[in-house]
């Protein structure tokens, strides 16, 4: 999961990133899941997370490349299965 820099300056941050260094709901464990929280410049972790953030456009480009790579891998696997069934 990525830290996403939003147009207004806030960051969309995976909740698990924030939970590692903070008490999660009064407990001492980490949050496990794929939830995002939005934080602003007033958050103590903002500067640290800003340095590793990507824009929404960069995230969309990553997703597009993943889909293309997944399709190429799927086609290669289908060819492999076809060859195996011929043996």
PDB file of N, CA and C in Angstrom:
ATOM      1  N   UNK A   1       0.851  -1.175   0.000  1.00  0.00           N
ATOM      2  CA  UNK A   1       0.000   0.000   0.000  1.00  0.00           C
ATOM      3  C   UNK A   1       0.889   1.227   0.000  1.00  0.00           C
ATOM      4  N   UNK A   2       0.410   2.258  -0.620  1.00  0.00           N
ATOM      5  CA  UNK A   2       1.185   3.465  -0.807  1.00  0.00           C
ATOM      6  C   UNK A   2       0.579   4.634  -0.038  1.00  0.00           C
ATOM      7  N   UNK A   3       1.415   5.600   0.284  1.00  0.00           N
ATOM      8  CA  UNK A   3       0.960   6.876   0.814  1.00  0.00           C
ATOM      9  C   UNK A   3       0.665   7.742  -0.410  1.00  0.00           C
ATOM     10  N   UNK A   4      -0.581   8.217  -0.517  1.00  0.00           N
ATOM     11  CA  UNK A   4      -1.014   8.967  -1.696  1.00  0.00           C
ATOM     12  C   UNK A   4      -1.197  10.431  -1.329  1.00  0.00           C
ATOM     13  N   UNK A   5      -0.546  11.277  -2.120  1.00  0.00           N
ATOM     14  CA  UNK A   5      -0.618  12.729  -1.938  1.00  0.00           C
ATOM     15  C   UNK A   5      -1.852  13.234  -2.689  1.00  0.00           C
ATOM     16  N   UNK A   6      -2.797  13.815  -1.955  1.00  0.00           N
ATOM     17  CA  UNK A   6      -4.035  14.315  -2.546  1.00  0.00           C
ATOM     18  C   UNK A   6      -3.859  15.744  -3.042  1.00  0.00           C
ATOM     19  N   UNK A   7      -4.687  16.166  -3.989  1.00  0.00           N
ATOM     20  CA  UNK A   7      -4.542  17.516  -4.564  1.00  0.00           C
ATOM     21  C   UNK A   7      -4.572  18.644  -3.535  1.00  0.00           C
ATOM     22  N   UNK A   8      -5.332  18.514  -2.461  1.00  0.00           N
ATOM     23  CA  UNK A   8      -5.431  19.567  -1.452  1.00  0.00           C
ATOM     24  C   UNK A   8      -4.260  19.608  -0.478  1.00  0.00           C
ATOM     25  N   UNK A   9      -3.315  18.666  -0.604  1.00  0.00           N
ATOM     26  CA  UNK A   9      -2.165  18.652   0.286  1.00  0.00           C
ATOM     27  C   UNK A   9      -2.223  17.590   1.367  1.00  0.00           C
ATOM     28  N   UNK A  10      -3.411  17.049   1.626  1.00  0.00           N
ATOM     29  CA  UNK A  10      -3.509  15.970   2.607  1.00  0.00           C
ATOM     30  C   UNK A  10      -2.907  14.697   2.038  1.00  0.00           C
ATOM     31  N   UNK A  11      -2.688  13.730   2.906  1.00  0.00           N
ATOM     32  CA  UNK A  11      -2.161  12.436   2.501  1.00  0.00           C
ATOM     33  C   UNK A  11      -3.172  11.352   2.834  1.00  0.00           C
ATOM     34  N   UNK A  12      -3.316  10.392   1.935  1.00  0.00           N
ATOM     35  CA  UNK A  12      -4.117   9.191   2.201  1.00  0.00           C
ATOM     36  C   UNK A  12      -3.103   8.120   2.581  1.00  0.00           C
ATOM     37  N   UNK A  13      -3.177   7.669   3.841  1.00  0.00           N
ATOM     38  CA  UNK A  13      -2.148   6.824   4.426  1.00  0.00           C
ATOM     39  C   UNK A  13      -2.753   5.483   4.842  1.00  0.00           C
ATOM     40  N   UNK A  14      -2.058   4.368   4.531  1.00  0.00           N
ATOM     41  CA  UNK A  14      -2.543   3.082   5.049  1.00  0.00           C
ATOM     42  C   UNK A  14      -2.611   3.134   6.576  1.00  0.00           C
ATOM     43  N   UNK A  15      -3.715   2.721   7.141  1.00  0.00           N
ATOM     44  CA  UNK A  15      -3.903   2.792   8.595  1.00  0.00           C
ATOM     45  C   UNK A  15      -2.826   2.004   9.329  1.00  0.00           C
ATOM     46  N   UNK A  16      -2.347   0.926   8.744  1.00  0.00           N
ATOM     47  CA  UNK A  16      -1.334   0.109   9.418  1.00  0.00           C
ATOM     48  C   UNK A  16      -0.020   0.865   9.588  1.00  0.00           C
ATOM     49  N   UNK A  17       0.280   1.798   8.705  1.00  0.00           N
ATOM     50  CA  UNK A  17       1.502   2.597   8.835  1.00  0.00           C
ATOM     51  C   UNK A  17       1.440   3.461  10.078  1.00  0.00           C
ATOM     52  N   UNK A  18       0.303   4.079  10.314  1.00  0.00           N
ATOM     53  CA  UNK A  18       0.151   4.925  11.497  1.00  0.00           C
ATOM     54  C   UNK A  18       0.078   4.095  12.763  1.00  0.00           C
ATOM     55  N   UNK A  19      -0.541   2.926  12.698  1.00  0.00           N
ATOM     56  CA  UNK A  19      -0.743   2.115  13.894  1.00  0.00           C
ATOM     57  C   UNK A  19       0.560   1.555  14.450  1.00  0.00           C
ATOM     58  N   UNK A  20       1.581   1.383  13.612  1.00  0.00           N
ATOM     59  CA  UNK A  20       2.838   0.817  14.101  1.00  0.00           C
ATOM     60  C   UNK A  20       3.450   1.651  15.219  1.00  0.00           C
ATOM     61  N   UNK A  21       3.358   2.963  15.084  1.00  0.00           N
ATOM     62  CA  UNK A  21       4.000   3.818  16.062  1.00  0.00           C
ATOM     63  C   UNK A  21       3.053   4.396  17.088  1.00  0.00           C
ATOM     64  N   UNK A  22       1.801   4.055  17.012  1.00  0.00           N
ATOM     65  CA  UNK A  22       0.811   4.643  17.907  1.00  0.00           C
ATOM     66  C   UNK A  22       0.013   3.550  18.607  1.00  0.00           C
ATOM     67  N   UNK A  23      -0.619   3.917  19.686  1.00  0.00           N
ATOM     68  CA  UNK A  23      -1.534   3.004  20.363  1.00  0.00           C
ATOM     69  C   UNK A  23      -2.811   2.941  19.526  1.00  0.00           C
ATOM     70  N   UNK A  24      -3.181   1.773  19.077  1.00  0.00           N
ATOM     71  CA  UNK A  24      -4.389   1.605  18.271  1.00  0.00           C
ATOM     72  C   UNK A  24      -5.585   1.381  19.194  1.00  0.00           C
ATOM     73  N   UNK A  25      -6.462   2.358  19.294  1.00  0.00           N
ATOM     74  CA  UNK A  25      -7.680   2.272  20.102  1.00  0.00           C
ATOM     75  C   UNK A  25      -7.378   1.847  21.541  1.00  0.00           C
ATOM     76  N   UNK A  26      -6.299   2.338  22.079  1.00  0.00           N
ATOM     77  CA  UNK A  26      -5.978   2.052  23.466  1.00  0.00           C
ATOM     78  C   UNK A  26      -5.241   0.746  23.680  1.00  0.00           C
ATOM     79  N   UNK A  27      -5.092  -0.064  22.642  1.00  0.00           N
ATOM     80  CA  UNK A  27      -4.399  -1.344  22.779  1.00  0.00           C
ATOM     81  C   UNK A  27      -2.949  -1.209  22.373  1.00  0.00           C
ATOM     82  N   UNK A  28      -2.228  -2.295  22.439  1.00  0.00           N
ATOM     83  CA  UNK A  28      -0.815  -2.246  22.086  1.00  0.00           C
ATOM     84  C   UNK A  28      -0.517  -2.964  20.779  1.00  0.00           C
ATOM     85  N   UNK A  29      -1.524  -3.540  20.116  1.00  0.00           N
ATOM     86  CA  UNK A  29      -1.318  -4.285  18.881  1.00  0.00           C
ATOM     87  C   UNK A  29      -1.328  -3.382  17.662  1.00  0.00           C
ATOM     88  N   UNK A  30      -1.022  -3.973  16.520  1.00  0.00           N
ATOM     89  CA  UNK A  30      -1.049  -3.254  15.249  1.00  0.00           C
ATOM     90  C   UNK A  30      -2.372  -3.492  14.545  1.00  0.00           C
ATOM     91  N   UNK A  31      -2.740  -2.545  13.693  1.00  0.00           N
ATOM     92  CA  UNK A  31      -3.925  -2.696  12.864  1.00  0.00           C
ATOM     93  C   UNK A  31      -3.525  -3.517  11.643  1.00  0.00           C
ATOM     94  N   UNK A  32      -4.323  -4.509  11.309  1.00  0.00           N
ATOM     95  CA  UNK A  32      -4.074  -5.314  10.126  1.00  0.00           C
ATOM     96  C   UNK A  32      -5.272  -5.139   9.207  1.00  0.00           C
ATOM     97  N   UNK A  33      -5.018  -4.743   7.993  1.00  0.00           N
ATOM     98  CA  UNK A  33      -6.087  -4.534   7.037  1.00  0.00           C
ATOM     99  C   UNK A  33      -5.636  -3.589   5.950  1.00  0.00           C
ATOM    100  N   UNK A  34      -6.539  -3.291   5.056  1.00  0.00           N
ATOM    101  CA  UNK A  34      -6.207  -2.424   3.947  1.00  0.00           C
ATOM    102  C   UNK A  34      -7.071  -1.168   3.974  1.00  0.00           C
ATOM    103  N   UNK A  35      -7.060  -0.485   5.065  1.00  0.00           N
ATOM    104  CA  UNK A  35      -7.828   0.745   5.202  1.00  0.00           C
ATOM    105  C   UNK A  35      -6.893   1.939   5.092  1.00  0.00           C
ATOM    106  N   UNK A  36      -7.424   3.029   4.585  1.00  0.00           N
ATOM    107  CA  UNK A  36      -6.671   4.270   4.494  1.00  0.00           C
ATOM    108  C   UNK A  36      -7.289   5.303   5.423  1.00  0.00           C
ATOM    109  N   UNK A  37      -6.462   6.175   5.947  1.00  0.00           N
ATOM    110  CA  UNK A  37      -6.921   7.340   6.693  1.00  0.00           C
ATOM    111  C   UNK A  37      -6.334   8.568   6.015  1.00  0.00           C
ATOM    112  N   UNK A  38      -7.016   9.676   6.136  1.00  0.00           N
ATOM    113  CA  UNK A  38      -6.523  10.918   5.545  1.00  0.00           C
ATOM    114  C   UNK A  38      -5.950  11.787   6.660  1.00  0.00           C
ATOM    115  N   UNK A  39      -4.724  12.262   6.448  1.00  0.00           N
ATOM    116  CA  UNK A  39      -4.088  13.128   7.442  1.00  0.00           C
ATOM    117  C   UNK A  39      -3.676  14.434   6.771  1.00  0.00           C
ATOM    118  N   UNK A  40      -3.546  15.476   7.571  1.00  0.00           N
ATOM    119  CA  UNK A  40      -3.123  16.770   7.081  1.00  0.00           C
ATOM    120  C   UNK A  40      -1.779  17.175   7.661  1.00  0.00           C
ATOM    121  N   UNK A  41      -1.308  18.357   7.278  1.00  0.00           N
ATOM    122  CA  UNK A  41       0.005  18.832   7.731  1.00  0.00           C
ATOM    123  C   UNK A  41       0.154  18.941   9.245  1.00  0.00           C
ATOM    124  N   UNK A  42      -0.942  18.995   9.973  1.00  0.00           N
ATOM    125  CA  UNK A  42      -0.868  19.096  11.437  1.00  0.00           C
ATOM    126  C   UNK A  42      -0.543  17.765  12.100  1.00  0.00           C
ATOM    127  N   UNK A  43      -0.637  16.676  11.365  1.00  0.00           N
ATOM    128  CA  UNK A  43      -0.349  15.351  11.929  1.00  0.00           C
ATOM    129  C   UNK A  43       1.149  15.217  12.172  1.00  0.00           C
ATOM    130  N   UNK A  44       1.550  14.642  13.307  1.00  0.00           N
ATOM    131  CA  UNK A  44       2.979  14.516  13.619  1.00  0.00           C
ATOM    132  C   UNK A  44       3.770  13.655  12.609  1.00  0.00           C
ATOM    133  N   UNK A  45       3.101  12.761  11.897  1.00  0.00           N
ATOM    134  CA  UNK A  45       3.779  11.903  10.923  1.00  0.00           C
ATOM    135  C   UNK A  45       3.779  12.464   9.505  1.00  0.00           C
ATOM    136  N   UNK A  46       3.162  13.623   9.323  1.00  0.00           N
ATOM    137  CA  UNK A  46       2.957  14.166   7.969  1.00  0.00           C
ATOM    138  C   UNK A  46       4.265  14.327   7.184  1.00  0.00           C
ATOM    139  N   UNK A  47       5.251  14.993   7.750  1.00  0.00           N
ATOM    140  CA  UNK A  47       6.496  15.257   7.010  1.00  0.00           C
ATOM    141  C   UNK A  47       7.213  13.971   6.621  1.00  0.00           C
ATOM    142  N   UNK A  48       7.251  13.022   7.527  1.00  0.00           N
ATOM    143  CA  UNK A  48       7.899  11.742   7.242  1.00  0.00           C
ATOM    144  C   UNK A  48       7.181  11.024   6.098  1.00  0.00           C
ATOM    145  N   UNK A  49       5.854  11.023   6.144  1.00  0.00           N
ATOM    146  CA  UNK A  49       5.077  10.316   5.128  1.00  0.00           C
ATOM    147  C   UNK A  49       5.034  11.065   3.799  1.00  0.00           C
ATOM    148  N   UNK A  50       5.097  12.387   3.860  1.00  0.00           N
ATOM    149  CA  UNK A  50       5.099  13.187   2.633  1.00  0.00           C
ATOM    150  C   UNK A  50       6.291  12.815   1.755  1.00  0.00           C
ATOM    151  N   UNK A  51       7.424  12.562   2.382  1.00  0.00           N
ATOM    152  CA  UNK A  51       8.646  12.236   1.635  1.00  0.00           C
ATOM    153  C   UNK A  51       8.506  10.957   0.820  1.00  0.00           C
ATOM    154  N   UNK A  52       7.648  10.034   1.243  1.00  0.00           N
ATOM    155  CA  UNK A  52       7.497   8.773   0.516  1.00  0.00           C
ATOM    156  C   UNK A  52       6.179   8.687  -0.258  1.00  0.00           C
ATOM    157  N   UNK A  53       5.455   9.786  -0.338  1.00  0.00           N
ATOM    158  CA  UNK A  53       4.146   9.760  -0.990  1.00  0.00           C
ATOM    159  C   UNK A  53       4.261   9.841  -2.509  1.00  0.00           C
ATOM    160  N   UNK A  54       3.194   9.374  -3.174  1.00  0.00           N
ATOM    161  CA  UNK A  54       3.076   9.503  -4.622  1.00  0.00           C
ATOM    162  C   UNK A  54       1.735  10.171  -4.919  1.00  0.00           C
ATOM    163  N   UNK A  55       1.633  10.772  -6.084  1.00  0.00           N
ATOM    164  CA  UNK A  55       0.391  11.455  -6.457  1.00  0.00           C
ATOM    165  C   UNK A  55      -0.656  10.427  -6.893  1.00  0.00           C
ATOM    166  N   UNK A  56      -1.905  10.867  -6.968  1.00  0.00           N
ATOM    167  CA  UNK A  56      -2.972   9.984  -7.449  1.00  0.00           C
ATOM    168  C   UNK A  56      -2.697   9.542  -8.886  1.00  0.00           C
ATOM    169  N   UNK A  57      -2.111  10.436  -9.694  1.00  0.00           N
ATOM    170  CA  UNK A  57      -1.782  10.104 -11.081  1.00  0.00           C
ATOM    171  C   UNK A  57      -0.704   9.021 -11.142  1.00  0.00           C
ATOM    172  N   UNK A  58       0.301   9.132 -10.271  1.00  0.00           N
ATOM    173  CA  UNK A  58       1.353   8.104 -10.224  1.00  0.00           C
ATOM    174  C   UNK A  58       0.767   6.761  -9.793  1.00  0.00           C
ATOM    175  N   UNK A  59      -0.168   6.783  -8.859  1.00  0.00           N
ATOM    176  CA  UNK A  59      -0.807   5.546  -8.417  1.00  0.00           C
ATOM    177  C   UNK A  59      -1.619   4.935  -9.546  1.00  0.00           C
ATOM    178  N   UNK A  60      -2.337   5.749 -10.301  1.00  0.00           N
ATOM    179  CA  UNK A  60      -3.113   5.245 -11.443  1.00  0.00           C
ATOM    180  C   UNK A  60      -2.193   4.618 -12.483  1.00  0.00           C
ATOM    181  N   UNK A  61      -1.034   5.216 -12.709  1.00  0.00           N
ATOM    182  CA  UNK A  61      -0.068   4.667 -13.661  1.00  0.00           C
ATOM    183  C   UNK A  61       0.467   3.320 -13.164  1.00  0.00           C
ATOM    184  N   UNK A  62       0.744   3.204 -11.878  1.00  0.00           N
ATOM    185  CA  UNK A  62       1.193   1.924 -11.309  1.00  0.00           C
ATOM    186  C   UNK A  62       0.134   0.846 -11.531  1.00  0.00           C
ATOM    187  N   UNK A  63      -1.127   1.185 -11.274  1.00  0.00           N
ATOM    188  CA  UNK A  63      -2.213   0.211 -11.462  1.00  0.00           C
ATOM    189  C   UNK A  63      -2.305  -0.216 -12.925  1.00  0.00           C
ATOM    190  N   UNK A  64      -2.165   0.738 -13.834  1.00  0.00           N
ATOM    191  CA  UNK A  64      -2.232   0.425 -15.256  1.00  0.00           C
ATOM    192  C   UNK A  64      -1.110  -0.550 -15.644  1.00  0.00           C
ATOM    193  N   UNK A  65       0.113  -0.280 -15.176  1.00  0.00           N
ATOM    194  CA  UNK A  65       1.246  -1.161 -15.486  1.00  0.00           C
ATOM    195  C   UNK A  65       1.048  -2.547 -14.879  1.00  0.00           C
ATOM    196  N   UNK A  66       0.515  -2.607 -13.649  1.00  0.00           N
ATOM    197  CA  UNK A  66       0.256  -3.904 -13.021  1.00  0.00           C
ATOM    198  C   UNK A  66      -0.715  -4.719 -13.875  1.00  0.00           C
ATOM    199  N   UNK A  67      -1.796  -4.077 -14.343  1.00  0.00           N
ATOM    200  CA  UNK A  67      -2.779  -4.788 -15.168  1.00  0.00           C
ATOM    201  C   UNK A  67      -2.120  -5.316 -16.439  1.00  0.00           C
ATOM    202  N   UNK A  68      -1.292  -4.497 -17.086  1.00  0.00           N
ATOM    203  CA  UNK A  68      -0.604  -4.939 -18.297  1.00  0.00           C
ATOM    204  C   UNK A  68       0.323  -6.111 -17.995  1.00  0.00           C
ATOM    205  N   UNK A  69       1.094  -6.006 -16.927  1.00  0.00           N
ATOM    206  CA  UNK A  69       2.002  -7.084 -16.548  1.00  0.00           C
ATOM    207  C   UNK A  69       1.235  -8.343 -16.172  1.00  0.00           C
ATOM    208  N   UNK A  70       0.107  -8.185 -15.480  1.00  0.00           N
ATOM    209  CA  UNK A  70      -0.713  -9.333 -15.106  1.00  0.00           C
ATOM    210  C   UNK A  70      -1.242 -10.044 -16.350  1.00  0.00           C
ATOM    211  N   UNK A  71      -1.642  -9.281 -17.353  1.00  0.00           N
ATOM    212  CA  UNK A  71      -2.171  -9.876 -18.571  1.00  0.00           C
ATOM    213  C   UNK A  71      -1.088 -10.659 -19.303  1.00  0.00           C
ATOM    214  N   UNK A  72       0.114 -10.118 -19.368  1.00  0.00           N
ATOM    215  CA  UNK A  72       1.217 -10.826 -20.021  1.00  0.00           C
ATOM    216  C   UNK A  72       1.545 -12.112 -19.263  1.00  0.00           C
ATOM    217  N   UNK A  73       1.548 -12.066 -17.964  1.00  0.00           N
ATOM    218  CA  UNK A  73       1.826 -13.249 -17.149  1.00  0.00           C
ATOM    219  C   UNK A  73       0.721 -14.291 -17.317  1.00  0.00           C
ATOM    220  N   UNK A  74      -0.528 -13.851 -17.342  1.00  0.00           N
ATOM    221  CA  UNK A  74      -1.651 -14.767 -17.536  1.00  0.00           C
ATOM    222  C   UNK A  74      -1.542 -15.479 -18.877  1.00  0.00           C
ATOM    223  N   UNK A  75      -1.215 -14.727 -19.941  1.00  0.00           N
ATOM    224  CA  UNK A  75      -1.078 -15.326 -21.266  1.00  0.00           C
ATOM    225  C   UNK A  75       0.057 -16.351 -21.288  1.00  0.00           C
ATOM    226  N   UNK A  76       1.167 -16.023 -20.645  1.00  0.00           N
ATOM    227  CA  UNK A  76       2.292 -16.954 -20.575  1.00  0.00           C
ATOM    228  C   UNK A  76       1.896 -18.230 -19.828  1.00  0.00           C
ATOM    229  N   UNK A  77       1.143 -18.091 -18.756  1.00  0.00           N
ATOM    230  CA  UNK A  77       0.702 -19.247 -17.991  1.00  0.00           C
ATOM    231  C   UNK A  77      -0.249 -20.109 -18.817  1.00  0.00           C
ATOM    232  N   UNK A  78      -1.163 -19.494 -19.549  1.00  0.00           N
ATOM    233  CA  UNK A  78      -2.092 -20.249 -20.393  1.00  0.00           C
ATOM    234  C   UNK A  78      -1.328 -21.037 -21.459  1.00  0.00           C
ATOM    235  N   UNK A  79      -0.290 -20.425 -22.029  1.00  0.00           N
ATOM    236  CA  UNK A  79       0.538 -21.135 -23.004  1.00  0.00           C
ATOM    237  C   UNK A  79       1.240 -22.322 -22.346  1.00  0.00           C
ATOM    238  N   UNK A  80       1.751 -22.123 -21.140  1.00  0.00           N
ATOM    239  CA  UNK A  80       2.409 -23.192 -20.393  1.00  0.00           C
ATOM    240  C   UNK A  80       1.440 -24.348 -20.147  1.00  0.00           C
ATOM    241  N   UNK A  81       0.217 -24.026 -19.711  1.00  0.00           N
ATOM    242  CA  UNK A  81      -0.775 -25.073 -19.455  1.00  0.00           C
ATOM    243  C   UNK A  81      -1.109 -25.830 -20.738  1.00  0.00           C
ATOM    244  N   UNK A  82      -1.221 -25.113 -21.841  1.00  0.00           N
ATOM    245  CA  UNK A  82      -1.536 -25.763 -23.116  1.00  0.00           C
ATOM    246  C   UNK A  82      -0.420 -26.718 -23.528  1.00  0.00           C
ATOM    247  N   UNK A  83       0.833 -26.305 -23.363  1.00  0.00           N
ATOM    248  CA  UNK A  83       1.959 -27.174 -23.700  1.00  0.00           C
ATOM    249  C   UNK A  83       1.971 -28.426 -22.825  1.00  0.00           C
ATOM    250  N   UNK A  84       1.681 -28.238 -21.530  1.00  0.00           N
ATOM    251  CA  UNK A  84       1.685 -29.359 -20.590  1.00  0.00           C
ATOM    252  C   UNK A  84       0.592 -30.366 -20.934  1.00  0.00           C
ATOM    253  N   UNK A  85      -0.547 -29.895 -21.375  1.00  0.00           N
ATOM    254  CA  UNK A  85      -1.651 -30.806 -21.696  1.00  0.00           C
ATOM    255  C   UNK A  85      -1.393 -31.586 -22.980  1.00  0.00           C
ATOM    256  N   UNK A  86      -0.510 -31.069 -23.835  1.00  0.00           N
ATOM    257  CA  UNK A  86      -0.150 -31.760 -25.075  1.00  0.00           C
ATOM    258  C   UNK A  86       0.852 -32.884 -24.825  1.00  0.00           C
ATOM    259  N   UNK A  87       1.548 -32.843 -23.722  1.00  0.00           N
ATOM    260  CA  UNK A  87       2.593 -33.863 -23.436  1.00  0.00           C
ATOM    261  C   UNK A  87       2.007 -35.169 -23.003  1.00  0.00           C
TER     262      UNK A  87
END
